[in-house]
Amino acid sequence: MWGGGAPDNGTIPALFSSISGMPSYNKGEQGFNSRQGIARLVNLLAQGEKMDIVIFYDGVNDVGTSCRAELEVNEHSKTEIMRKRIQEGSLNGSIPCYHVT
């Protein structure tokens, strides 16, 4: 839970910690959707992080990037842009991108 616009002590993890008395570590990233959050959790566990409780608060970014009538299942709002850039051989105009077929 990134907490964009909120002070550190005003984020949901900080409020949870103050109410529960338990330490809280905010492992969220700005703009992550639920699949990215799960992947981050798996990576943190694989790196040896110990966690007693894990709380996710997801959904807003999923709706904004994936729940659109023009998208297929598992597509993202930037799918067409990325597909076009890959076909053109450049991700941002200055970094070469090689399409392997």
C-alpha atoms as a PDB file:
ATOM      1  CA  MET A   1       0.000   0.000   0.000  1.00  0.00           C
ATOM      2  CA  TRP A   2       1.906   2.940  -1.287  1.00  0.00           C
ATOM      3  CA  GLY A   3      -0.094   5.662   0.438  1.00  0.00           C
ATOM      4  CA  GLY A   4       0.437   8.313  -2.229  1.00  0.00           C
ATOM      5  CA  GLY A   5      -0.328  11.734  -0.787  1.00  0.00           C
ATOM      6  CA  ALA A   6      -0.414  10.456   2.784  1.00  0.00           C
ATOM      7  CA  PRO A   7       2.306  11.117   5.361  1.00  0.00           C
ATOM      8  CA  ASP A   8       4.177   8.006   6.522  1.00  0.00           C
ATOM      9  CA  ASN A   9       2.167   7.880   9.735  1.00  0.00           C
ATOM     10  CA  GLY A  10      -1.089   8.202   7.760  1.00  0.00           C
ATOM     11  CA  THR A  11      -0.734   5.128   5.540  1.00  0.00           C
ATOM     12  CA  ILE A  12      -2.918   2.078   6.150  1.00  0.00           C
ATOM     13  CA  PRO A  13       0.057  -0.031   7.349  1.00  0.00           C
ATOM     14  CA  ALA A  14       1.037   2.697   9.848  1.00  0.00           C
ATOM     15  CA  LEU A  15      -2.539   2.975  11.109  1.00  0.00           C
ATOM     16  CA  PHE A  16      -2.749  -0.822  11.423  1.00  0.00           C
ATOM     17  CA  SER A  17       0.441  -0.783  13.484  1.00  0.00           C
ATOM     18  CA  SER A  18      -0.808   1.968  15.790  1.00  0.00           C
ATOM     19  CA  ILE A  19      -4.153   0.208  16.358  1.00  0.00           C
ATOM     20  CA  SER A  20      -2.808  -3.352  16.710  1.00  0.00           C
ATOM     21  CA  GLY A  21       0.469  -2.600  18.484  1.00  0.00           C
ATOM     22  CA  MET A  22       2.199  -4.904  16.016  1.00  0.00           C
ATOM     23  CA  PRO A  23       5.131  -3.754  13.869  1.00  0.00           C
ATOM     24  CA  SER A  24       4.178  -3.099  10.274  1.00  0.00           C
ATOM     25  CA  TYR A  25       6.337  -2.975   7.164  1.00  0.00           C
ATOM     26  CA  ASN A  26       4.932  -1.416   4.031  1.00  0.00           C
ATOM     27  CA  LYS A  27       6.146  -3.485   1.064  1.00  0.00           C
ATOM     28  CA  GLY A  28       3.791  -1.884  -1.458  1.00  0.00           C
ATOM     29  CA  GLU A  29       4.864  -0.232  -4.689  1.00  0.00           C
ATOM     30  CA  GLN A  30       3.158   2.608  -6.514  1.00  0.00           C
ATOM     31  CA  GLY A  31       1.030   1.436  -9.417  1.00  0.00           C
ATOM     32  CA  PHE A  32       1.282  -2.304  -8.678  1.00  0.00           C
ATOM     33  CA  ASN A  33      -1.709  -4.428  -9.578  1.00  0.00           C
ATOM     34  CA  SER A  34      -2.663  -7.539  -7.594  1.00  0.00           C
ATOM     35  CA  ARG A  35      -0.581  -9.910  -9.744  1.00  0.00           C
ATOM     36  CA  GLN A  36       2.507  -7.762  -9.214  1.00  0.00           C
ATOM     37  CA  GLY A  37       1.818  -7.650  -5.478  1.00  0.00           C
ATOM     38  CA  ILE A  38       1.636 -11.441  -5.288  1.00  0.00           C
ATOM     39  CA  ALA A  39       4.840 -11.724  -7.349  1.00  0.00           C
ATOM     40  CA  ARG A  40       6.559  -9.302  -4.949  1.00  0.00           C
ATOM     41  CA  LEU A  41       5.424 -11.383  -1.974  1.00  0.00           C
ATOM     42  CA  VAL A  42       6.772 -14.569  -3.568  1.00  0.00           C
ATOM     43  CA  ASN A  43      10.089 -12.831  -4.285  1.00  0.00           C
ATOM     44  CA  LEU A  44      10.386 -11.486  -0.731  1.00  0.00           C
ATOM     45  CA  LEU A  45       9.689 -14.933   0.724  1.00  0.00           C
ATOM     46  CA  ALA A  46      12.215 -16.508  -1.657  1.00  0.00           C
ATOM     47  CA  GLN A  47      14.780 -13.958  -0.436  1.00  0.00           C
ATOM     48  CA  GLY A  48      14.214 -15.154   3.129  1.00  0.00           C
ATOM     49  CA  GLU A  49      11.953 -12.420   4.524  1.00  0.00           C
ATOM     50  CA  LYS A  50       9.996 -13.656   7.535  1.00  0.00           C
ATOM     51  CA  MET A  51       6.364 -12.587   7.840  1.00  0.00           C
ATOM     52  CA  ASP A  52       3.738 -13.513  10.397  1.00  0.00           C
ATOM     53  CA  ILE A  53       0.832 -11.697   8.764  1.00  0.00           C
ATOM     54  CA  VAL A  54       0.430 -10.441   5.197  1.00  0.00           C
ATOM     55  CA  ILE A  55      -2.333  -7.993   4.277  1.00  0.00           C
ATOM     56  CA  PHE A  56      -3.156  -6.973   0.725  1.00  0.00           C
ATOM     57  CA  TYR A  57      -5.343  -4.039  -0.225  1.00  0.00           C
ATOM     58  CA  ASP A  58      -5.681  -4.398  -3.984  1.00  0.00           C
ATOM     59  CA  GLY A  59      -8.102  -3.661  -6.745  1.00  0.00           C
ATOM     60  CA  VAL A  60      -7.934  -0.022  -7.763  1.00  0.00           C
ATOM     61  CA  ASN A  61      -4.966  -0.452 -10.104  1.00  0.00           C
ATOM     62  CA  ASP A  62      -6.426  -3.683 -11.479  1.00  0.00           C
ATOM     63  CA  VAL A  63      -9.590  -1.872 -12.520  1.00  0.00           C
ATOM     64  CA  GLY A  64      -7.710   1.074 -14.003  1.00  0.00           C
ATOM     65  CA  THR A  65      -5.376  -1.026 -16.115  1.00  0.00           C
ATOM     66  CA  SER A  66      -7.200  -4.249 -16.849  1.00  0.00           C
ATOM     67  CA  CYS A  67     -10.987  -3.948 -16.600  1.00  0.00           C
ATOM     68  CA  ARG A  68     -11.642  -2.319 -19.930  1.00  0.00           C
ATOM     69  CA  ALA A  69     -13.953  -3.516 -22.693  1.00  0.00           C
ATOM     70  CA  GLU A  70     -11.265  -3.272 -25.399  1.00  0.00           C
ATOM     71  CA  LEU A  71      -8.859  -5.615 -23.575  1.00  0.00           C
ATOM     72  CA  GLU A  72      -8.580  -9.382 -23.712  1.00  0.00           C
ATOM     73  CA  VAL A  73      -8.123 -11.449 -20.547  1.00  0.00           C
ATOM     74  CA  ASN A  74      -4.755 -10.715 -18.869  1.00  0.00           C
ATOM     75  CA  GLU A  75      -4.066  -7.709 -21.091  1.00  0.00           C
ATOM     76  CA  HIS A  76      -3.037  -4.342 -19.728  1.00  0.00           C
ATOM     77  CA  SER A  77      -4.014  -0.828 -20.773  1.00  0.00           C
ATOM     78  CA  LYS A  78      -0.520  -0.397 -22.260  1.00  0.00           C
ATOM     79  CA  THR A  79      -0.544  -3.672 -24.261  1.00  0.00           C
ATOM     80  CA  GLU A  80      -0.987  -2.037 -27.666  1.00  0.00           C
ATOM     81  CA  ILE A  81       1.640   0.609 -26.974  1.00  0.00           C
ATOM     82  CA  MET A  82       4.191  -2.001 -25.926  1.00  0.00           C
ATOM     83  CA  ARG A  83       3.312  -4.299 -28.828  1.00  0.00           C
ATOM     84  CA  LYS A  84       3.822  -1.438 -31.296  1.00  0.00           C
ATOM     85  CA  ARG A  85       7.139  -0.405 -29.731  1.00  0.00           C
ATOM     86  CA  ILE A  86       8.417  -3.978 -29.798  1.00  0.00           C
ATOM     87  CA  GLN A  87       7.453  -4.316 -33.468  1.00  0.00           C
ATOM     88  CA  GLU A  88       9.187  -1.013 -34.235  1.00  0.00           C
ATOM     89  CA  GLY A  89      12.308  -2.219 -32.414  1.00  0.00           C
ATOM     90  CA  SER A  90      12.330   0.412 -29.679  1.00  0.00           C
ATOM     91  CA  LEU A  91      10.791   0.644 -26.234  1.00  0.00           C
ATOM     92  CA  ASN A  92      11.190   4.394 -25.803  1.00  0.00           C
ATOM     93  CA  GLY A  93      12.893   5.578 -28.957  1.00  0.00           C
ATOM     94  CA  SER A  94      16.416   5.403 -27.586  1.00  0.00           C
ATOM     95  CA  ILE A  95      16.725   1.871 -26.188  1.00  0.00           C
ATOM     96  CA  PRO A  96      16.982  -0.857 -28.818  1.00  0.00           C
ATOM     97  CA  CYS A  97      14.490  -3.664 -28.404  1.00  0.00           C
ATOM     98  CA  TYR A  98      14.943  -6.905 -30.333  1.00  0.00           C
ATOM     99  CA  HIS A  99      11.924  -8.986 -31.194  1.00  0.00           C
ATOM    100  CA  VAL A 100      12.698 -12.705 -31.206  1.00  0.00           C
ATOM    101  CA  THR A 101      10.426 -14.895 -33.305  1.00  0.00           C
END
